[in-house]
């Protein structure tokens, strides 16, 4: 009888602890999404009176384009990046129409070819940006292959390599190139590698994916997103190690399903919002104090639920969802 009572006590304690932990996580999640954004911290003029600039990679469409519009609407000048001059010029014209006072520049570079100096000249990009008062860098360039959902062995070498360059290598090299500019250590073609010329607030945002945890049928896309997510968390910790974390905020966003992007134009829903909704959510999380965050609250709640489920059930849910994505993709392809 005593043993049974002890067992009941243990199971009751475990159940209560689990309930309290889940409640805490949910309340902490609610708090995170109710706090105001600190984006205004990075909207300031420099010593010469120059207005702040934000560079958004992959801004010719989707989330990147919407981030550019949101930033322009909040008083930032914008540097657009992409690989298609015509698409970037279209976005520039749309921005000018919506925000006539916003200054806009364009950088054309194929991120998937960033290993080739003749395709992406990082030194040139740095020198162009160094003349601006850059306070925000958003690494948004990224995409999956075509078809989007398939087994690893069905893709060719170039497709896999280009995807990894686009999703992982390019943001790594660009961030390394522009960190001195953001920190005020690069001016007039010189890098002061020692003390800061002037401490100043700057923001680095990575647009990652909740699929960075080894999702099937998007294996190397998932791997690329995992790598760059870890990179930005590591840089945030480097900032703390070297004492400049108070000046530069680095946050990696794990974005869930979204429509209005390259791989889907479906009608938006609660769990698959449009790109504009995600862009607003990303900027709203600025200053949240976390190195990693799921920006859109319904996606975050779903992640909290997944975190308390047994692994076998999580795998079943993920595998089933990805199997359905492939089915829809294949059915759509047959109709075209």
C-alpha atoms as a PDB file:
ATOM      1  CA  UNK A   1       0.000   0.000   0.000  1.00  0.00           C
ATOM      2  CA  UNK A   2       2.870   2.330   0.898  1.00  0.00           C
ATOM      3  CA  UNK A   3       4.550   1.621  -2.427  1.00  0.00           C
ATOM      4  CA  UNK A   4       1.343   2.476  -4.291  1.00  0.00           C
ATOM      5  CA  UNK A   5       1.002   5.733  -2.371  1.00  0.00           C
ATOM      6  CA  UNK A   6       4.604   6.632  -3.212  1.00  0.00           C
ATOM      7  CA  UNK A   7       3.983   5.848  -6.886  1.00  0.00           C
ATOM      8  CA  UNK A   8       0.849   7.991  -6.892  1.00  0.00           C
ATOM      9  CA  UNK A   9       2.766  10.830  -5.245  1.00  0.00           C
ATOM     10  CA  UNK A  10       5.571  10.631  -7.812  1.00  0.00           C
ATOM     11  CA  UNK A  11       3.229  10.548 -10.805  1.00  0.00           C
ATOM     12  CA  UNK A  12       1.168  13.387  -9.340  1.00  0.00           C
ATOM     13  CA  UNK A  13       4.314  15.455  -8.814  1.00  0.00           C
ATOM     14  CA  UNK A  14       5.503  14.781 -12.351  1.00  0.00           C
ATOM     15  CA  UNK A  15       2.100  15.673 -13.772  1.00  0.00           C
ATOM     16  CA  UNK A  16       1.907  18.876 -11.751  1.00  0.00           C
ATOM     17  CA  UNK A  17       5.455  19.845 -12.728  1.00  0.00           C
ATOM     18  CA  UNK A  18       4.704  19.238 -16.389  1.00  0.00           C
ATOM     19  CA  UNK A  19       1.536  21.317 -16.156  1.00  0.00           C
ATOM     20  CA  UNK A  20       3.375  24.155 -14.404  1.00  0.00           C
ATOM     21  CA  UNK A  21       6.224  24.055 -16.936  1.00  0.00           C
ATOM     22  CA  UNK A  22       3.802  24.109 -19.866  1.00  0.00           C
ATOM     23  CA  UNK A  23       1.861  26.973 -18.287  1.00  0.00           C
ATOM     24  CA  UNK A  24       5.089  28.911 -17.728  1.00  0.00           C
ATOM     25  CA  UNK A  25       6.184  28.414 -21.344  1.00  0.00           C
ATOM     26  CA  UNK A  26       2.808  29.534 -22.643  1.00  0.00           C
ATOM     27  CA  UNK A  27       2.745  32.611 -20.387  1.00  0.00           C
ATOM     28  CA  UNK A  28       6.317  33.473 -21.362  1.00  0.00           C
ATOM     29  CA  UNK A  29       5.294  33.141 -24.998  1.00  0.00           C
ATOM     30  CA  UNK A  30       2.325  35.462 -24.451  1.00  0.00           C
ATOM     31  CA  UNK A  31       4.581  38.051 -22.764  1.00  0.00           C
ATOM     32  CA  UNK A  32       7.023  37.928 -25.659  1.00  0.00           C
ATOM     33  CA  UNK A  33       4.327  38.743 -28.202  1.00  0.00           C
ATOM     34  CA  UNK A  34       2.726  41.551 -26.198  1.00  0.00           C
ATOM     35  CA  UNK A  35       5.879  43.613 -25.578  1.00  0.00           C
ATOM     36  CA  UNK A  36       6.531  46.622 -27.863  1.00  0.00           C
ATOM     37  CA  UNK A  37       9.254  46.552 -30.506  1.00  0.00           C
ATOM     38  CA  UNK A  38      12.592  48.327 -29.997  1.00  0.00           C
ATOM     39  CA  UNK A  39      13.161  48.896 -33.716  1.00  0.00           C
ATOM     40  CA  UNK A  40      13.147  52.644 -33.066  1.00  0.00           C
ATOM     41  CA  UNK A  41      16.488  52.221 -31.269  1.00  0.00           C
ATOM     42  CA  UNK A  42      18.155  51.750 -34.653  1.00  0.00           C
ATOM     43  CA  UNK A  43      16.411  54.683 -36.336  1.00  0.00           C
ATOM     44  CA  UNK A  44      18.803  57.525 -35.585  1.00  0.00           C
ATOM     45  CA  UNK A  45      21.036  59.911 -37.531  1.00  0.00           C
ATOM     46  CA  UNK A  46      24.816  59.708 -37.381  1.00  0.00           C
ATOM     47  CA  UNK A  47      27.224  62.486 -36.424  1.00  0.00           C
ATOM     48  CA  UNK A  48      26.934  64.074 -39.853  1.00  0.00           C
ATOM     49  CA  UNK A  49      23.136  64.046 -39.823  1.00  0.00           C
ATOM     50  CA  UNK A  50      22.815  61.124 -42.245  1.00  0.00           C
ATOM     51  CA  UNK A  51      19.595  59.124 -41.913  1.00  0.00           C
ATOM     52  CA  UNK A  52      19.712  55.389 -41.055  1.00  0.00           C
ATOM     53  CA  UNK A  53      19.848  52.675 -43.711  1.00  0.00           C
ATOM     54  CA  UNK A  54      18.725  49.045 -43.672  1.00  0.00           C
ATOM     55  CA  UNK A  55      20.053  46.373 -46.045  1.00  0.00           C
ATOM     56  CA  UNK A  56      17.605  43.569 -46.812  1.00  0.00           C
ATOM     57  CA  UNK A  57      18.942  40.642 -48.838  1.00  0.00           C
ATOM     58  CA  UNK A  58      16.520  38.722 -51.016  1.00  0.00           C
ATOM     59  CA  UNK A  59      14.222  41.739 -51.203  1.00  0.00           C
ATOM     60  CA  UNK A  60      12.890  41.330 -54.746  1.00  0.00           C
ATOM     61  CA  UNK A  61       9.887  39.310 -53.501  1.00  0.00           C
ATOM     62  CA  UNK A  62       8.240  37.547 -50.568  1.00  0.00           C
ATOM     63  CA  UNK A  63       9.283  38.246 -46.987  1.00  0.00           C
ATOM     64  CA  UNK A  64      12.311  40.299 -48.027  1.00  0.00           C
ATOM     65  CA  UNK A  65      10.241  42.663 -50.163  1.00  0.00           C
ATOM     66  CA  UNK A  66       7.708  43.117 -47.376  1.00  0.00           C
ATOM     67  CA  UNK A  67      10.474  43.790 -44.855  1.00  0.00           C
ATOM     68  CA  UNK A  68      11.795  46.522 -47.148  1.00  0.00           C
ATOM     69  CA  UNK A  69       8.359  48.152 -47.259  1.00  0.00           C
ATOM     70  CA  UNK A  70       7.902  47.901 -43.487  1.00  0.00           C
ATOM     71  CA  UNK A  71      11.317  49.456 -42.847  1.00  0.00           C
ATOM     72  CA  UNK A  72      10.687  52.277 -45.302  1.00  0.00           C
ATOM     73  CA  UNK A  73       7.374  52.912 -43.588  1.00  0.00           C
ATOM     74  CA  UNK A  74       9.202  53.264 -40.270  1.00  0.00           C
ATOM     75  CA  UNK A  75      11.686  55.844 -41.508  1.00  0.00           C
ATOM     76  CA  UNK A  76      14.636  53.806 -42.783  1.00  0.00           C
ATOM     77  CA  UNK A  77      16.332  54.249 -46.128  1.00  0.00           C
ATOM     78  CA  UNK A  78      16.634  50.862 -47.814  1.00  0.00           C
ATOM     79  CA  UNK A  79      19.269  48.924 -49.741  1.00  0.00           C
ATOM     80  CA  UNK A  80      17.572  46.259 -51.852  1.00  0.00           C
ATOM     81  CA  UNK A  81      19.460  43.099 -52.787  1.00  0.00           C
ATOM     82  CA  UNK A  82      18.661  40.342 -55.240  1.00  0.00           C
ATOM     83  CA  UNK A  83      19.915  38.673 -58.384  1.00  0.00           C
ATOM     84  CA  UNK A  84      17.408  40.105 -60.875  1.00  0.00           C
ATOM     85  CA  UNK A  85      17.952  43.785 -61.799  1.00  0.00           C
ATOM     86  CA  UNK A  86      14.487  44.087 -63.332  1.00  0.00           C
ATOM     87  CA  UNK A  87      12.711  42.714 -60.236  1.00  0.00           C
ATOM     88  CA  UNK A  88      14.716  44.979 -57.946  1.00  0.00           C
ATOM     89  CA  UNK A  89      13.938  48.003 -60.106  1.00  0.00           C
ATOM     90  CA  UNK A  90      10.236  47.143 -59.911  1.00  0.00           C
ATOM     91  CA  UNK A  91      10.399  46.964 -56.106  1.00  0.00           C
ATOM     92  CA  UNK A  92      12.348  50.239 -56.034  1.00  0.00           C
ATOM     93  CA  UNK A  93       9.670  51.961 -58.120  1.00  0.00           C
ATOM     94  CA  UNK A  94       6.905  50.594 -55.877  1.00  0.00           C
ATOM     95  CA  UNK A  95       8.765  51.804 -52.785  1.00  0.00           C
ATOM     96  CA  UNK A  96       9.269  55.273 -54.246  1.00  0.00           C
ATOM     97  CA  UNK A  97       5.577  55.492 -55.023  1.00  0.00           C
ATOM     98  CA  UNK A  98       4.599  54.450 -51.491  1.00  0.00           C
ATOM     99  CA  UNK A  99       7.351  56.368 -49.659  1.00  0.00           C
ATOM    100  CA  UNK A 100       8.616  59.290 -51.781  1.00  0.00           C
ATOM    101  CA  UNK A 101      11.041  60.526 -49.105  1.00  0.00           C
ATOM    102  CA  UNK A 102      12.836  57.179 -48.782  1.00  0.00           C
ATOM    103  CA  UNK A 103      16.272  56.822 -50.359  1.00  0.00           C
ATOM    104  CA  UNK A 104      16.781  53.494 -52.105  1.00  0.00           C
ATOM    105  CA  UNK A 105      19.840  51.728 -53.468  1.00  0.00           C
ATOM    106  CA  UNK A 106      20.179  48.425 -55.279  1.00  0.00           C
ATOM    107  CA  UNK A 107      22.806  45.683 -55.017  1.00  0.00           C
ATOM    108  CA  UNK A 108      22.673  42.966 -57.669  1.00  0.00           C
ATOM    109  CA  UNK A 109      24.424  39.734 -56.682  1.00  0.00           C
ATOM    110  CA  UNK A 110      23.563  36.061 -57.168  1.00  0.00           C
ATOM    111  CA  UNK A 111      23.862  34.675 -53.638  1.00  0.00           C
ATOM    112  CA  UNK A 112      23.912  31.081 -54.907  1.00  0.00           C
ATOM    113  CA  UNK A 113      27.208  31.877 -56.674  1.00  0.00           C
ATOM    114  CA  UNK A 114      28.854  33.611 -53.707  1.00  0.00           C
ATOM    115  CA  UNK A 115      31.864  31.283 -53.889  1.00  0.00           C
ATOM    116  CA  UNK A 116      32.869  32.971 -57.154  1.00  0.00           C
ATOM    117  CA  UNK A 117      34.566  36.377 -56.688  1.00  0.00           C
ATOM    118  CA  UNK A 118      33.517  37.372 -60.213  1.00  0.00           C
ATOM    119  CA  UNK A 119      29.860  36.793 -59.270  1.00  0.00           C
ATOM    120  CA  UNK A 120      29.779  38.345 -55.789  1.00  0.00           C
ATOM    121  CA  UNK A 121      32.392  40.964 -54.874  1.00  0.00           C
ATOM    122  CA  UNK A 122      32.046  41.322 -51.110  1.00  0.00           C
ATOM    123  CA  UNK A 123      34.729  44.017 -50.892  1.00  0.00           C
ATOM    124  CA  UNK A 124      32.794  46.140 -53.385  1.00  0.00           C
ATOM    125  CA  UNK A 125      29.576  45.626 -51.425  1.00  0.00           C
ATOM    126  CA  UNK A 126      31.345  46.647 -48.209  1.00  0.00           C
ATOM    127  CA  UNK A 127      32.772  49.809 -49.772  1.00  0.00           C
ATOM    128  CA  UNK A 128      29.379  50.799 -51.208  1.00  0.00           C
ATOM    129  CA  UNK A 129      27.639  50.247 -47.885  1.00  0.00           C
ATOM    130  CA  UNK A 130      30.378  51.925 -45.819  1.00  0.00           C
ATOM    131  CA  UNK A 131      29.417  55.313 -47.260  1.00  0.00           C
ATOM    132  CA  UNK A 132      25.944  54.892 -45.754  1.00  0.00           C
ATOM    133  CA  UNK A 133      24.783  55.080 -42.153  1.00  0.00           C
ATOM    134  CA  UNK A 134      23.922  51.355 -41.987  1.00  0.00           C
ATOM    135  CA  UNK A 135      22.180  50.380 -38.749  1.00  0.00           C
ATOM    136  CA  UNK A 136      20.201  47.289 -39.825  1.00  0.00           C
ATOM    137  CA  UNK A 137      21.243  44.160 -41.752  1.00  0.00           C
ATOM    138  CA  UNK A 138      18.591  41.553 -42.537  1.00  0.00           C
ATOM    139  CA  UNK A 139      19.776  38.266 -44.026  1.00  0.00           C
ATOM    140  CA  UNK A 140      16.626  37.165 -45.838  1.00  0.00           C
ATOM    141  CA  UNK A 141      17.952  35.744 -49.113  1.00  0.00           C
ATOM    142  CA  UNK A 142      17.110  32.064 -49.282  1.00  0.00           C
ATOM    143  CA  UNK A 143      14.972  29.527 -51.078  1.00  0.00           C
ATOM    144  CA  UNK A 144      14.470  25.838 -51.607  1.00  0.00           C
ATOM    145  CA  UNK A 145      15.127  23.938 -54.844  1.00  0.00           C
ATOM    146  CA  UNK A 146      12.626  23.037 -57.532  1.00  0.00           C
ATOM    147  CA  UNK A 147      10.764  20.806 -56.978  1.00  0.00           C
ATOM    148  CA  UNK A 148      10.641  21.938 -53.364  1.00  0.00           C
ATOM    149  CA  UNK A 149       9.774  18.586 -51.762  1.00  0.00           C
ATOM    150  CA  UNK A 150      11.719  15.485 -52.756  1.00  0.00           C
ATOM    151  CA  UNK A 151      14.322  12.993 -51.531  1.00  0.00           C
ATOM    152  CA  UNK A 152      17.974  14.026 -51.375  1.00  0.00           C
ATOM    153  CA  UNK A 153      19.028  11.536 -54.056  1.00  0.00           C
ATOM    154  CA  UNK A 154      16.688  13.095 -56.642  1.00  0.00           C
ATOM    155  CA  UNK A 155      18.680  16.340 -56.830  1.00  0.00           C
ATOM    156  CA  UNK A 156      21.849  16.976 -58.786  1.00  0.00           C
ATOM    157  CA  UNK A 157      25.165  18.217 -57.422  1.00  0.00           C
ATOM    158  CA  UNK A 158      24.791  21.804 -58.650  1.00  0.00           C
ATOM    159  CA  UNK A 159      21.301  22.163 -57.173  1.00  0.00           C
ATOM    160  CA  UNK A 160      22.496  21.018 -53.754  1.00  0.00           C
ATOM    161  CA  UNK A 161      25.651  23.149 -53.767  1.00  0.00           C
ATOM    162  CA  UNK A 162      23.860  26.279 -55.004  1.00  0.00           C
ATOM    163  CA  UNK A 163      21.205  25.871 -52.309  1.00  0.00           C
ATOM    164  CA  UNK A 164      23.797  25.616 -49.545  1.00  0.00           C
ATOM    165  CA  UNK A 165      25.631  28.655 -50.902  1.00  0.00           C
ATOM    166  CA  UNK A 166      22.399  30.650 -51.023  1.00  0.00           C
ATOM    167  CA  UNK A 167      21.025  29.646 -47.630  1.00  0.00           C
ATOM    168  CA  UNK A 168      24.200  29.335 -45.552  1.00  0.00           C
ATOM    169  CA  UNK A 169      27.423  30.539 -47.170  1.00  0.00           C
ATOM    170  CA  UNK A 170      26.213  33.888 -48.548  1.00  0.00           C
ATOM    171  CA  UNK A 171      24.758  35.213 -45.256  1.00  0.00           C
ATOM    172  CA  UNK A 172      27.900  34.034 -43.454  1.00  0.00           C
ATOM    173  CA  UNK A 173      30.241  35.905 -45.793  1.00  0.00           C
ATOM    174  CA  UNK A 174      28.047  38.998 -45.976  1.00  0.00           C
ATOM    175  CA  UNK A 175      27.720  39.260 -42.197  1.00  0.00           C
ATOM    176  CA  UNK A 176      31.475  38.837 -41.771  1.00  0.00           C
ATOM    177  CA  UNK A 177      32.004  41.569 -44.371  1.00  0.00           C
ATOM    178  CA  UNK A 178      29.559  44.082 -42.894  1.00  0.00           C
ATOM    179  CA  UNK A 179      30.101  43.581 -39.160  1.00  0.00           C
ATOM    180  CA  UNK A 180      32.906  46.198 -39.074  1.00  0.00           C
ATOM    181  CA  UNK A 181      30.638  48.643 -40.928  1.00  0.00           C
ATOM    182  CA  UNK A 182      27.750  48.059 -38.529  1.00  0.00           C
ATOM    183  CA  UNK A 183      30.037  48.500 -35.538  1.00  0.00           C
ATOM    184  CA  UNK A 184      31.576  51.707 -36.902  1.00  0.00           C
ATOM    185  CA  UNK A 185      35.001  50.124 -37.383  1.00  0.00           C
ATOM    186  CA  UNK A 186      35.158  50.629 -41.147  1.00  0.00           C
ATOM    187  CA  UNK A 187      35.242  54.118 -42.576  1.00  0.00           C
ATOM    188  CA  UNK A 188      36.798  55.656 -45.704  1.00  0.00           C
ATOM    189  CA  UNK A 189      38.206  52.341 -46.856  1.00  0.00           C
ATOM    190  CA  UNK A 190      40.001  51.549 -43.600  1.00  0.00           C
ATOM    191  CA  UNK A 191      39.283  48.863 -41.026  1.00  0.00           C
ATOM    192  CA  UNK A 192      40.325  49.900 -37.533  1.00  0.00           C
ATOM    193  CA  UNK A 193      40.432  46.326 -36.088  1.00  0.00           C
ATOM    194  CA  UNK A 194      41.073  47.748 -32.606  1.00  0.00           C
ATOM    195  CA  UNK A 195      38.762  49.837 -30.468  1.00  0.00           C
ATOM    196  CA  UNK A 196      35.514  51.077 -31.927  1.00  0.00           C
ATOM    197  CA  UNK A 197      35.623  54.423 -33.698  1.00  0.00           C
ATOM    198  CA  UNK A 198      32.313  55.067 -31.939  1.00  0.00           C
ATOM    199  CA  UNK A 199      29.928  52.679 -30.188  1.00  0.00           C
ATOM    200  CA  UNK A 200      26.558  52.750 -31.929  1.00  0.00           C
ATOM    201  CA  UNK A 201      23.432  50.601 -31.910  1.00  0.00           C
ATOM    202  CA  UNK A 202      23.048  48.173 -34.804  1.00  0.00           C
ATOM    203  CA  UNK A 203      20.725  45.277 -35.561  1.00  0.00           C
ATOM    204  CA  UNK A 204      21.405  42.016 -37.404  1.00  0.00           C
ATOM    205  CA  UNK A 205      18.415  39.821 -38.239  1.00  0.00           C
ATOM    206  CA  UNK A 206      18.558  36.343 -39.743  1.00  0.00           C
ATOM    207  CA  UNK A 207      15.469  34.937 -41.417  1.00  0.00           C
ATOM    208  CA  UNK A 208      15.630  31.230 -40.699  1.00  0.00           C
ATOM    209  CA  UNK A 209      13.061  28.450 -40.644  1.00  0.00           C
ATOM    210  CA  UNK A 210      11.377  26.124 -38.161  1.00  0.00           C
ATOM    211  CA  UNK A 211      12.373  23.369 -40.601  1.00  0.00           C
ATOM    212  CA  UNK A 212      16.010  23.738 -39.485  1.00  0.00           C
ATOM    213  CA  UNK A 213      15.685  20.669 -37.245  1.00  0.00           C
ATOM    214  CA  UNK A 214      16.128  18.030 -39.942  1.00  0.00           C
ATOM    215  CA  UNK A 215      12.884  18.026 -41.921  1.00  0.00           C
ATOM    216  CA  UNK A 216      12.420  15.274 -44.532  1.00  0.00           C
ATOM    217  CA  UNK A 217      12.022  16.001 -48.254  1.00  0.00           C
ATOM    218  CA  UNK A 218      13.836  19.349 -47.849  1.00  0.00           C
ATOM    219  CA  UNK A 219      17.036  17.866 -46.428  1.00  0.00           C
ATOM    220  CA  UNK A 220      19.741  20.232 -47.683  1.00  0.00           C
ATOM    221  CA  UNK A 221      17.500  23.306 -47.387  1.00  0.00           C
ATOM    222  CA  UNK A 222      16.922  22.295 -43.761  1.00  0.00           C
ATOM    223  CA  UNK A 223      20.674  21.805 -43.291  1.00  0.00           C
ATOM    224  CA  UNK A 224      21.477  25.228 -44.735  1.00  0.00           C
ATOM    225  CA  UNK A 225      18.957  26.959 -42.489  1.00  0.00           C
ATOM    226  CA  UNK A 226      20.290  25.066 -39.483  1.00  0.00           C
ATOM    227  CA  UNK A 227      23.836  26.210 -40.235  1.00  0.00           C
ATOM    228  CA  UNK A 228      23.006  29.902 -40.580  1.00  0.00           C
ATOM    229  CA  UNK A 229      20.735  29.789 -37.505  1.00  0.00           C
ATOM    230  CA  UNK A 230      23.627  28.425 -35.451  1.00  0.00           C
ATOM    231  CA  UNK A 231      25.943  31.028 -36.993  1.00  0.00           C
ATOM    232  CA  UNK A 232      23.869  33.983 -35.815  1.00  0.00           C
ATOM    233  CA  UNK A 233      23.480  32.539 -32.312  1.00  0.00           C
ATOM    234  CA  UNK A 234      27.250  32.048 -32.211  1.00  0.00           C
ATOM    235  CA  UNK A 235      27.887  35.646 -33.315  1.00  0.00           C
ATOM    236  CA  UNK A 236      25.534  36.868 -30.592  1.00  0.00           C
ATOM    237  CA  UNK A 237      27.585  34.945 -28.035  1.00  0.00           C
ATOM    238  CA  UNK A 238      30.834  36.271 -29.567  1.00  0.00           C
ATOM    239  CA  UNK A 239      29.455  39.765 -29.025  1.00  0.00           C
ATOM    240  CA  UNK A 240      28.981  38.968 -25.333  1.00  0.00           C
ATOM    241  CA  UNK A 241      32.447  37.406 -25.072  1.00  0.00           C
ATOM    242  CA  UNK A 242      34.117  40.472 -26.588  1.00  0.00           C
ATOM    243  CA  UNK A 243      31.894  43.045 -24.902  1.00  0.00           C
ATOM    244  CA  UNK A 244      29.970  44.618 -27.786  1.00  0.00           C
ATOM    245  CA  UNK A 245      26.623  42.897 -27.237  1.00  0.00           C
ATOM    246  CA  UNK A 246      25.146  46.069 -25.715  1.00  0.00           C
ATOM    247  CA  UNK A 247      25.617  47.845 -29.056  1.00  0.00           C
ATOM    248  CA  UNK A 248      24.714  45.164 -31.608  1.00  0.00           C
ATOM    249  CA  UNK A 249      21.541  43.086 -31.312  1.00  0.00           C
ATOM    250  CA  UNK A 250      21.663  39.786 -33.202  1.00  0.00           C
ATOM    251  CA  UNK A 251      18.520  37.716 -33.486  1.00  0.00           C
ATOM    252  CA  UNK A 252      17.691  34.670 -35.607  1.00  0.00           C
ATOM    253  CA  UNK A 253      14.032  34.218 -36.550  1.00  0.00           C
ATOM    254  CA  UNK A 254      12.633  30.731 -37.115  1.00  0.00           C
ATOM    255  CA  UNK A 255       9.805  31.309 -39.577  1.00  0.00           C
ATOM    256  CA  UNK A 256       7.021  28.773 -40.096  1.00  0.00           C
ATOM    257  CA  UNK A 257       4.710  28.169 -43.057  1.00  0.00           C
ATOM    258  CA  UNK A 258       4.009  31.291 -45.104  1.00  0.00           C
ATOM    259  CA  UNK A 259       2.244  32.101 -48.349  1.00  0.00           C
ATOM    260  CA  UNK A 260       3.024  34.751 -50.930  1.00  0.00           C
ATOM    261  CA  UNK A 261       6.548  33.403 -51.426  1.00  0.00           C
ATOM    262  CA  UNK A 262       8.288  31.521 -54.233  1.00  0.00           C
ATOM    263  CA  UNK A 263       7.027  28.017 -53.411  1.00  0.00           C
ATOM    264  CA  UNK A 264       3.393  28.809 -52.548  1.00  0.00           C
ATOM    265  CA  UNK A 265       0.757  31.391 -53.405  1.00  0.00           C
ATOM    266  CA  UNK A 266      -2.085  29.733 -51.464  1.00  0.00           C
ATOM    267  CA  UNK A 267      -4.703  31.787 -49.658  1.00  0.00           C
ATOM    268  CA  UNK A 268      -3.415  32.912 -46.231  1.00  0.00           C
ATOM    269  CA  UNK A 269      -4.678  31.285 -43.033  1.00  0.00           C
ATOM    270  CA  UNK A 270      -3.919  31.434 -39.312  1.00  0.00           C
ATOM    271  CA  UNK A 271      -1.104  28.886 -39.534  1.00  0.00           C
ATOM    272  CA  UNK A 272       0.043  29.953 -43.018  1.00  0.00           C
ATOM    273  CA  UNK A 273      -0.064  33.772 -43.020  1.00  0.00           C
ATOM    274  CA  UNK A 274       1.050  35.981 -45.883  1.00  0.00           C
ATOM    275  CA  UNK A 275       4.555  37.421 -46.208  1.00  0.00           C
ATOM    276  CA  UNK A 276       3.501  40.864 -45.009  1.00  0.00           C
ATOM    277  CA  UNK A 277       2.159  39.460 -41.728  1.00  0.00           C
ATOM    278  CA  UNK A 278       5.434  37.610 -41.149  1.00  0.00           C
ATOM    279  CA  UNK A 279       7.496  40.711 -41.982  1.00  0.00           C
ATOM    280  CA  UNK A 280       5.562  42.758 -39.422  1.00  0.00           C
ATOM    281  CA  UNK A 281       5.999  40.008 -36.817  1.00  0.00           C
ATOM    282  CA  UNK A 282       9.755  39.840 -37.425  1.00  0.00           C
ATOM    283  CA  UNK A 283      10.283  43.564 -36.839  1.00  0.00           C
ATOM    284  CA  UNK A 284       7.901  43.517 -33.863  1.00  0.00           C
ATOM    285  CA  UNK A 285      10.190  41.083 -32.014  1.00  0.00           C
ATOM    286  CA  UNK A 286      13.161  43.493 -32.097  1.00  0.00           C
ATOM    287  CA  UNK A 287      14.571  43.954 -28.608  1.00  0.00           C
ATOM    288  CA  UNK A 288      12.939  40.812 -27.201  1.00  0.00           C
ATOM    289  CA  UNK A 289      16.198  39.790 -25.525  1.00  0.00           C
ATOM    290  CA  UNK A 290      16.465  36.397 -27.226  1.00  0.00           C
ATOM    291  CA  UNK A 291      19.068  35.114 -29.660  1.00  0.00           C
ATOM    292  CA  UNK A 292      16.441  32.956 -31.353  1.00  0.00           C
ATOM    293  CA  UNK A 293      12.693  33.453 -31.682  1.00  0.00           C
ATOM    294  CA  UNK A 294       9.688  32.258 -33.661  1.00  0.00           C
ATOM    295  CA  UNK A 295       8.330  35.671 -34.735  1.00  0.00           C
ATOM    296  CA  UNK A 296       4.675  34.817 -35.450  1.00  0.00           C
ATOM    297  CA  UNK A 297       2.755  33.862 -32.305  1.00  0.00           C
ATOM    298  CA  UNK A 298       0.553  31.010 -33.702  1.00  0.00           C
ATOM    299  CA  UNK A 299       3.715  29.316 -34.990  1.00  0.00           C
ATOM    300  CA  UNK A 300       5.335  29.842 -31.591  1.00  0.00           C
ATOM    301  CA  UNK A 301       2.430  28.232 -29.738  1.00  0.00           C
ATOM    302  CA  UNK A 302       2.652  25.238 -32.065  1.00  0.00           C
ATOM    303  CA  UNK A 303       6.396  24.952 -31.336  1.00  0.00           C
ATOM    304  CA  UNK A 304       5.702  24.996 -27.586  1.00  0.00           C
ATOM    305  CA  UNK A 305       3.227  22.152 -28.027  1.00  0.00           C
ATOM    306  CA  UNK A 306       5.699  20.138 -30.120  1.00  0.00           C
ATOM    307  CA  UNK A 307       8.378  20.618 -27.463  1.00  0.00           C
ATOM    308  CA  UNK A 308       6.372  18.724 -24.823  1.00  0.00           C
ATOM    309  CA  UNK A 309       5.332  15.821 -27.063  1.00  0.00           C
ATOM    310  CA  UNK A 310       7.280  12.539 -27.254  1.00  0.00           C
ATOM    311  CA  UNK A 311       9.785  12.351 -30.105  1.00  0.00           C
ATOM    312  CA  UNK A 312       7.947   9.549 -31.908  1.00  0.00           C
ATOM    313  CA  UNK A 313       4.795  11.665 -32.046  1.00  0.00           C
ATOM    314  CA  UNK A 314       6.690  14.761 -33.236  1.00  0.00           C
ATOM    315  CA  UNK A 315       8.266  12.675 -36.004  1.00  0.00           C
ATOM    316  CA  UNK A 316       4.857  11.329 -36.992  1.00  0.00           C
ATOM    317  CA  UNK A 317       3.424  14.856 -37.212  1.00  0.00           C
ATOM    318  CA  UNK A 318       6.380  16.245 -39.182  1.00  0.00           C
ATOM    319  CA  UNK A 319       6.593  13.293 -41.559  1.00  0.00           C
ATOM    320  CA  UNK A 320       2.862  13.401 -42.217  1.00  0.00           C
ATOM    321  CA  UNK A 321       2.917  17.140 -42.908  1.00  0.00           C
ATOM    322  CA  UNK A 322       5.844  16.877 -45.314  1.00  0.00           C
ATOM    323  CA  UNK A 323       4.301  13.879 -47.059  1.00  0.00           C
ATOM    324  CA  UNK A 324       1.191  15.998 -47.634  1.00  0.00           C
ATOM    325  CA  UNK A 325       3.292  18.897 -48.980  1.00  0.00           C
ATOM    326  CA  UNK A 326       4.838  16.556 -51.528  1.00  0.00           C
ATOM    327  CA  UNK A 327       1.455  15.123 -52.494  1.00  0.00           C
ATOM    328  CA  UNK A 328       0.011  18.580 -53.144  1.00  0.00           C
ATOM    329  CA  UNK A 329       3.123  19.559 -55.084  1.00  0.00           C
ATOM    330  CA  UNK A 330       2.942  16.464 -57.284  1.00  0.00           C
ATOM    331  CA  UNK A 331      -0.805  16.854 -57.880  1.00  0.00           C
ATOM    332  CA  UNK A 332      -0.313  20.478 -58.888  1.00  0.00           C
ATOM    333  CA  UNK A 333       2.491  19.522 -61.266  1.00  0.00           C
ATOM    334  CA  UNK A 334       0.227  16.987 -63.002  1.00  0.00           C
ATOM    335  CA  UNK A 335      -2.390  19.678 -63.679  1.00  0.00           C
ATOM    336  CA  UNK A 336       0.092  22.079 -65.259  1.00  0.00           C
END
